[in-house]
Amino acid sequence: MLISGNGSNLQAVIDAVALDLPVDIRAVISNKADAYGLERARNAGIEAWVLDHTQYPDRESYDQVLAELVASFKPGLVILAGFMRILSPHFVNKFRGQLLNIHPSLLPKYRGLHTHQRALDAGDLVHGASVHFVTEELDGGPLVLQIRLPIENGDDEEKLAKKVLSQEHIIYPAVIRWFADGRLRMKGNSVSKDGVTLKGPLGMRYHEAPPA
């Protein structure tokens, strides 16, 4: 798993593994040495690595070393969990079809940063989060699952972020489970689940259980 900060989605996956999620988290890698997610990994007995992007002259050289480090663990899936780096085409192509990301908006709305405030500023009534496969396009890869939740009176950026994050902790392990069970695959620029090509992202509402 690749992280840059607190690692709450990492913790959600660690907790799901402790229950019954059939994956082995082989390593957690951060581009920041002070990322609290590294401590979460160590507490769970997972290898924790720091690869500081500021020690490399450009994105391409960093991503080449990062790709080599990730590949050394022979991953079946590379999970981005708050990894605040735009990945180069070299990295994406090396692990194409094996890269998942979670983004705090209903993509294709609000790619990039500050998604909650942008939703509030736009007067949106509904917000959410999206799990998607990663491609060269920023937050533009094929969508898998989205959670939709209402924006309520009194919601500010902090409150909305907390509500969305609580739902990320539900939908991300669910999608990872589908992949680990061989039910979810990316083919070309399309996603198939149980052998059926998705015409759009699967959806769920606030406090619902993920689709089977």
Protein backbone atom coordinates (compact mmCIF):
# COMPACT_ATOMS: atom_id res chain seq x y z
CA MET A 1 0.00 0.00 0.00
CA LEU A 2 1.18 3.51 -0.81
CA ILE A 3 0.42 6.31 1.66
CA SER A 4 1.43 9.87 2.47
CA GLY A 5 -0.34 10.68 5.72
CA ASN A 6 -2.56 9.47 8.54
CA GLY A 7 -3.37 6.12 6.94
CA SER A 8 -6.97 5.70 8.11
CA ASN A 9 -7.89 3.75 4.97
CA LEU A 10 -4.81 1.62 5.55
CA GLN A 11 -6.13 0.93 9.06
CA ALA A 12 -9.53 0.00 7.64
CA VAL A 13 -7.85 -2.58 5.41
CA ILE A 14 -5.66 -3.86 8.26
CA ASP A 15 -8.78 -4.30 10.39
CA ALA A 16 -10.60 -6.07 7.55
CA VAL A 17 -7.66 -8.45 7.11
CA ALA A 18 -7.80 -9.23 10.84
CA LEU A 19 -11.42 -10.28 10.31
CA ASP A 20 -11.53 -12.16 7.02
CA LEU A 21 -10.26 -10.07 4.08
CA PRO A 22 -8.17 -12.58 2.10
CA VAL A 23 -5.10 -10.46 1.40
CA ASP A 24 -1.57 -10.25 2.72
CA ILE A 25 -0.34 -6.67 3.09
CA ARG A 26 3.27 -7.18 2.16
CA ALA A 27 4.49 -3.61 2.66
CA VAL A 28 3.43 -0.03 3.28
CA ILE A 29 5.46 2.62 1.49
CA SER A 30 5.28 6.35 2.13
CA ASN A 31 6.91 9.32 0.44
CA LYS A 32 6.90 11.10 3.83
CA ALA A 33 8.86 9.90 6.85
CA ASP A 34 6.41 11.46 9.33
CA ALA A 35 3.32 9.76 7.89
CA TYR A 36 1.41 8.25 10.81
CA GLY A 37 0.31 5.40 8.58
CA LEU A 38 3.84 4.01 8.88
CA GLU A 39 3.27 3.58 12.61
CA ARG A 40 -0.03 1.84 11.89
CA ALA A 41 1.84 -0.58 9.63
CA ARG A 42 4.55 -1.28 12.20
CA ASN A 43 1.95 -1.87 14.90
CA ALA A 44 0.38 -4.49 12.63
CA GLY A 45 3.71 -6.19 11.92
CA ILE A 46 3.83 -4.96 8.32
CA GLU A 47 7.03 -3.82 6.63
CA ALA A 48 7.10 0.00 6.54
CA TRP A 49 9.28 1.83 4.04
CA VAL A 50 10.02 5.50 3.39
CA LEU A 51 10.97 6.64 -0.09
CA ASP A 52 11.35 10.40 0.13
CA HIS A 53 10.40 12.07 -3.17
CA THR A 54 12.40 15.19 -2.27
CA GLN A 55 15.60 13.18 -2.69
CA TYR A 56 14.99 12.72 -6.43
CA PRO A 57 15.38 15.33 -9.19
CA ASP A 58 12.08 14.66 -10.93
CA ARG A 59 8.91 12.57 -10.89
CA GLU A 60 10.18 10.06 -13.43
CA SER A 61 13.33 9.16 -11.52
CA TYR A 62 11.40 8.83 -8.26
CA ASP A 63 8.73 6.67 -9.83
CA GLN A 64 11.31 4.38 -11.39
CA VAL A 65 12.81 3.63 -7.98
CA LEU A 66 9.34 3.39 -6.43
CA ALA A 67 8.26 0.90 -9.10
CA GLU A 68 11.32 -1.24 -8.44
CA LEU A 69 10.64 -1.21 -4.69
CA VAL A 70 6.97 -2.10 -5.15
CA ALA A 71 7.81 -4.85 -7.65
CA SER A 72 10.26 -6.40 -5.17
CA PHE A 73 7.27 -7.43 -3.04
CA LYS A 74 5.62 -9.19 -6.03
CA PRO A 75 2.20 -7.61 -5.42
CA GLY A 76 -1.01 -8.85 -6.93
CA LEU A 77 -2.57 -5.47 -6.17
CA VAL A 78 -1.13 -2.03 -5.40
CA ILE A 79 -3.45 0.01 -3.19
CA LEU A 80 -3.20 3.79 -3.05
CA ALA A 81 -4.50 5.09 0.27
CA GLY A 82 -3.95 8.82 0.49
CA PHE A 83 -0.78 8.70 -1.60
CA MET A 84 -0.42 12.36 -2.53
CA ARG A 85 1.65 11.92 -5.66
CA ILE A 86 0.64 11.94 -9.31
CA LEU A 87 2.08 8.73 -10.71
CA SER A 88 4.07 8.77 -13.93
CA PRO A 89 3.01 6.77 -17.01
CA HIS A 90 5.99 4.45 -16.38
CA PHE A 91 4.65 3.44 -12.96
CA VAL A 92 1.03 3.18 -14.06
CA ASN A 93 1.85 1.03 -17.08
CA LYS A 94 4.05 -1.30 -15.04
CA PHE A 95 1.17 -2.13 -12.71
CA ARG A 96 -1.75 -1.49 -15.05
CA GLY A 97 -4.85 -3.35 -13.94
CA GLN A 98 -3.35 -3.84 -10.47
CA LEU A 99 -3.68 -0.26 -9.18
CA LEU A 100 -6.64 0.86 -7.09
CA ASN A 101 -7.31 4.31 -5.65
CA ILE A 102 -10.03 5.89 -3.54
CA HIS A 103 -11.00 9.50 -4.13
CA PRO A 104 -13.24 11.70 -1.95
CA SER A 105 -15.76 12.82 -4.57
CA LEU A 106 -18.29 11.41 -6.98
CA LEU A 107 -15.93 11.22 -9.93
CA PRO A 108 -15.71 12.61 -12.53
CA LYS A 109 -16.67 15.55 -10.33
CA TYR A 110 -13.90 17.28 -8.41
CA ARG A 111 -10.75 15.55 -9.46
CA GLY A 112 -7.70 16.63 -7.50
CA LEU A 113 -7.72 18.33 -4.12
CA HIS A 114 -10.16 20.17 -1.79
CA THR A 115 -13.10 18.10 -2.99
CA HIS A 116 -15.35 18.69 0.03
CA GLN A 117 -15.12 22.48 -0.08
CA ARG A 118 -15.63 22.46 -3.82
CA ALA A 119 -18.83 20.43 -3.38
CA LEU A 120 -20.05 22.87 -0.74
CA ASP A 121 -19.16 25.90 -2.84
CA ALA A 122 -21.08 24.45 -5.77
CA GLY A 123 -24.19 24.01 -3.65
CA ASP A 124 -24.27 20.26 -4.23
CA LEU A 125 -26.90 18.28 -2.36
CA VAL A 126 -25.07 14.96 -2.73
CA HIS A 127 -21.39 14.13 -2.27
CA GLY A 128 -19.42 10.94 -1.79
CA ALA A 129 -16.37 8.86 -2.64
CA SER A 130 -15.23 6.69 -5.54
CA VAL A 131 -13.01 3.64 -5.87
CA HIS A 132 -11.39 3.36 -9.27
CA PHE A 133 -8.58 1.70 -11.16
CA VAL A 134 -5.64 4.00 -11.84
CA THR A 135 -4.63 5.12 -15.32
CA GLU A 136 -2.39 7.91 -16.59
CA GLU A 137 -5.30 10.36 -16.33
CA LEU A 138 -5.52 12.03 -12.91
CA ASP A 139 -8.46 10.51 -11.02
CA GLY A 140 -9.76 9.39 -14.39
CA GLY A 141 -9.44 5.62 -14.39
CA PRO A 142 -12.40 3.24 -14.72
CA LEU A 143 -14.80 3.55 -11.80
CA VAL A 144 -15.76 0.54 -9.68
CA LEU A 145 -17.89 1.64 -6.71
CA GLN A 146 -19.29 4.93 -5.42
CA ILE A 147 -20.92 5.83 -2.13
CA ARG A 148 -23.43 8.70 -2.23
CA LEU A 149 -24.36 10.68 0.86
CA PRO A 150 -26.45 13.81 1.45
CA ILE A 151 -24.92 17.18 2.19
CA GLU A 152 -26.93 18.40 5.17
CA ASN A 153 -27.60 21.81 6.67
CA GLY A 154 -24.72 22.67 8.95
CA ASP A 155 -22.16 20.60 7.06
CA ASP A 156 -18.85 22.37 6.67
CA GLU A 157 -15.68 21.07 5.08
CA GLU A 158 -14.54 19.28 8.24
CA LYS A 159 -17.88 17.63 8.97
CA LEU A 160 -18.33 16.54 5.38
CA ALA A 161 -14.81 15.14 5.21
CA LYS A 162 -15.45 13.03 8.32
CA LYS A 163 -18.70 11.64 6.92
CA VAL A 164 -17.09 10.75 3.60
CA LEU A 165 -14.03 9.19 5.23
CA SER A 166 -16.20 6.94 7.41
CA GLN A 167 -17.76 5.56 4.23
CA GLU A 168 -14.42 5.17 2.47
CA HIS A 169 -13.50 2.73 5.23
CA ILE A 170 -16.43 0.57 4.14
CA ILE A 171 -16.22 0.67 0.36
CA TYR A 172 -12.46 0.30 -0.08
CA PRO A 173 -12.12 -3.07 1.70
CA ALA A 174 -15.21 -4.27 -0.20
CA VAL A 175 -13.63 -3.54 -3.59
CA ILE A 176 -10.29 -5.01 -2.50
CA ARG A 177 -12.15 -8.18 -1.52
CA TRP A 178 -13.75 -8.43 -4.99
CA PHE A 179 -10.31 -8.16 -6.56
CA ALA A 180 -8.73 -10.67 -4.17
CA ASP A 181 -11.54 -13.14 -4.86
CA GLY A 182 -10.94 -12.87 -8.62
CA ARG A 183 -14.32 -11.23 -9.20
CA LEU A 184 -13.05 -7.81 -10.33
CA ARG A 185 -10.74 -7.08 -13.24
CA MET A 186 -9.75 -4.18 -15.45
CA LYS A 187 -9.67 -5.01 -19.16
CA GLY A 188 -8.49 -2.23 -21.41
CA ASN A 189 -10.31 0.80 -20.04
CA SER A 190 -13.28 -1.18 -18.77
CA VAL A 191 -14.06 -2.94 -15.51
CA SER A 192 -15.70 -6.34 -15.24
CA LYS A 193 -17.22 -7.85 -12.10
CA ASP A 194 -18.16 -11.50 -12.09
CA GLY A 195 -17.43 -11.57 -15.82
CA VAL A 196 -19.87 -8.76 -16.64
CA THR A 197 -18.56 -5.44 -17.97
CA LEU A 198 -19.77 -2.53 -15.86
CA LYS A 199 -21.51 0.23 -17.80
CA GLY A 200 -20.84 2.60 -14.94
CA PRO A 201 -19.79 2.46 -11.30
CA LEU A 202 -21.72 0.33 -8.87
CA GLY A 203 -23.45 2.51 -6.31
CA MET A 204 -24.53 2.47 -2.71
CA ARG A 205 -26.21 4.94 -0.38
CA TYR A 206 -25.08 6.29 2.97
CA HIS A 207 -25.03 3.55 5.65
CA GLU A 208 -25.92 0.82 3.14
CA ALA A 209 -23.95 -2.39 2.94
CA PRO A 210 -21.75 -2.70 -0.17
CA PRO A 211 -23.19 -4.66 -3.10
CA ALA A 212 -22.56 -8.40 -2.98
